[in-house]
Amino acid sequence: MRIISNLRLSLAAFLLILGIIATYAKDSEENKYELQKKLIYLEIRTVLDNGEITLEEAQTMWRKKIKQLKKEEGK
């Protein structure tokens, strides 16, 4: 009886740790996507601030790069 109780406690602890790891992995992927979007934004913003492109070109560039990022993430 004591062995079964210890086994149950071990299994509960294992599942708790596994759940924490799975949650952390999901958050990391979301953060990675957000960081990539911010990097694209800053890249386009720098070019726009330098006056190399117009606002309309920057908007078009943003849409294309975000669309490409979503395709890469889907793979």
C-alpha atoms as a PDB file:
ATOM      1  CA  MET A   1       0.000   0.000   0.000  1.00  0.00           C
ATOM      2  CA  ARG A   2       2.816   2.405   0.853  1.00  0.00           C
ATOM      3  CA  ILE A   3       4.551   1.626  -2.451  1.00  0.00           C
ATOM      4  CA  ILE A   4       1.441   2.565  -4.431  1.00  0.00           C
ATOM      5  CA  SER A   5       1.110   5.816  -2.510  1.00  0.00           C
ATOM      6  CA  ASN A   6       4.743   6.741  -3.211  1.00  0.00           C
ATOM      7  CA  LEU A   7       4.331   5.807  -6.857  1.00  0.00           C
ATOM      8  CA  ARG A   8       1.250   8.027  -7.128  1.00  0.00           C
ATOM      9  CA  LEU A   9       3.111  10.980  -5.572  1.00  0.00           C
ATOM     10  CA  SER A  10       6.073  10.462  -7.921  1.00  0.00           C
ATOM     11  CA  LEU A  11       3.789  10.352 -10.936  1.00  0.00           C
ATOM     12  CA  ALA A  12       1.994  13.532  -9.848  1.00  0.00           C
ATOM     13  CA  ALA A  13       5.332  15.339  -9.425  1.00  0.00           C
ATOM     14  CA  PHE A  14       6.512  14.109 -12.829  1.00  0.00           C
ATOM     15  CA  LEU A  15       3.331  15.330 -14.540  1.00  0.00           C
ATOM     16  CA  LEU A  16       3.617  18.707 -12.815  1.00  0.00           C
ATOM     17  CA  ILE A  17       7.193  19.148 -14.040  1.00  0.00           C
ATOM     18  CA  LEU A  18       6.222  18.021 -17.543  1.00  0.00           C
ATOM     19  CA  GLY A  19       3.367  20.554 -17.607  1.00  0.00           C
ATOM     20  CA  ILE A  20       5.680  23.372 -16.542  1.00  0.00           C
ATOM     21  CA  ILE A  21       8.169  22.490 -19.277  1.00  0.00           C
ATOM     22  CA  ALA A  22       5.428  22.345 -21.918  1.00  0.00           C
ATOM     23  CA  THR A  23       4.079  25.745 -20.848  1.00  0.00           C
ATOM     24  CA  TYR A  24       7.536  27.299 -20.960  1.00  0.00           C
ATOM     25  CA  ALA A  25       8.175  25.901 -24.462  1.00  0.00           C
ATOM     26  CA  LYS A  26       4.915  27.401 -25.741  1.00  0.00           C
ATOM     27  CA  ASP A  27       5.771  30.812 -24.274  1.00  0.00           C
ATOM     28  CA  SER A  28       9.214  30.704 -25.856  1.00  0.00           C
ATOM     29  CA  GLU A  29       7.770  30.145 -29.322  1.00  0.00           C
ATOM     30  CA  GLU A  30       5.343  33.046 -28.915  1.00  0.00           C
ATOM     31  CA  ASN A  31       8.126  35.301 -27.685  1.00  0.00           C
ATOM     32  CA  LYS A  32      10.319  34.304 -30.626  1.00  0.00           C
ATOM     33  CA  TYR A  33       7.589  35.295 -33.097  1.00  0.00           C
ATOM     34  CA  GLU A  34       7.014  38.631 -31.365  1.00  0.00           C
ATOM     35  CA  LEU A  35      10.750  39.373 -31.327  1.00  0.00           C
ATOM     36  CA  GLN A  36      11.010  38.626 -35.034  1.00  0.00           C
ATOM     37  CA  LYS A  37       8.097  40.995 -35.736  1.00  0.00           C
ATOM     38  CA  LYS A  38       9.764  43.715 -33.673  1.00  0.00           C
ATOM     39  CA  LEU A  39      13.040  43.185 -35.535  1.00  0.00           C
ATOM     40  CA  ILE A  40      11.266  43.601 -38.881  1.00  0.00           C
ATOM     41  CA  TYR A  41       9.539  46.745 -37.587  1.00  0.00           C
ATOM     42  CA  LEU A  42      12.800  48.298 -36.408  1.00  0.00           C
ATOM     43  CA  GLU A  43      14.519  47.435 -39.680  1.00  0.00           C
ATOM     44  CA  ILE A  44      11.785  49.119 -41.732  1.00  0.00           C
ATOM     45  CA  ARG A  45      11.598  52.054 -39.322  1.00  0.00           C
ATOM     46  CA  THR A  46      15.320  52.715 -39.714  1.00  0.00           C
ATOM     47  CA  VAL A  47      15.071  52.778 -43.507  1.00  0.00           C
ATOM     48  CA  LEU A  48      11.995  55.030 -43.283  1.00  0.00           C
ATOM     49  CA  ASP A  49      13.676  57.439 -40.876  1.00  0.00           C
ATOM     50  CA  ASN A  50      16.680  57.713 -43.179  1.00  0.00           C
ATOM     51  CA  GLY A  51      14.303  58.878 -45.907  1.00  0.00           C
ATOM     52  CA  GLU A  52      15.201  56.056 -48.276  1.00  0.00           C
ATOM     53  CA  ILE A  53      11.557  54.954 -48.695  1.00  0.00           C
ATOM     54  CA  THR A  54       8.118  56.531 -48.383  1.00  0.00           C
ATOM     55  CA  LEU A  55       5.482  55.621 -45.825  1.00  0.00           C
ATOM     56  CA  GLU A  56       3.457  53.712 -48.424  1.00  0.00           C
ATOM     57  CA  GLU A  57       6.518  51.672 -49.408  1.00  0.00           C
ATOM     58  CA  ALA A  58       7.197  50.951 -45.745  1.00  0.00           C
ATOM     59  CA  GLN A  59       3.640  49.700 -45.250  1.00  0.00           C
ATOM     60  CA  THR A  60       3.897  47.451 -48.294  1.00  0.00           C
ATOM     61  CA  MET A  61       7.263  46.176 -47.102  1.00  0.00           C
ATOM     62  CA  TRP A  62       5.796  45.430 -43.633  1.00  0.00           C
ATOM     63  CA  ARG A  63       2.899  43.431 -45.094  1.00  0.00           C
ATOM     64  CA  LYS A  64       5.208  41.378 -47.322  1.00  0.00           C
ATOM     65  CA  LYS A  65       7.683  40.598 -44.549  1.00  0.00           C
ATOM     66  CA  ILE A  66       4.978  39.665 -42.022  1.00  0.00           C
ATOM     67  CA  LYS A  67       3.311  37.436 -44.621  1.00  0.00           C
ATOM     68  CA  GLN A  68       6.668  35.750 -45.265  1.00  0.00           C
ATOM     69  CA  LEU A  69       7.248  35.350 -41.516  1.00  0.00           C
ATOM     70  CA  LYS A  70       3.861  33.688 -41.079  1.00  0.00           C
ATOM     71  CA  LYS A  71       4.634  31.279 -43.933  1.00  0.00           C
ATOM     72  CA  GLU A  72       7.973  30.364 -42.342  1.00  0.00           C
ATOM     73  CA  GLU A  73       6.321  29.831 -38.984  1.00  0.00           C
ATOM     74  CA  GLY A  74       3.715  27.554 -40.556  1.00  0.00           C
ATOM     75  CA  LYS A  75       6.375  25.160 -41.817  1.00  0.00           C
END
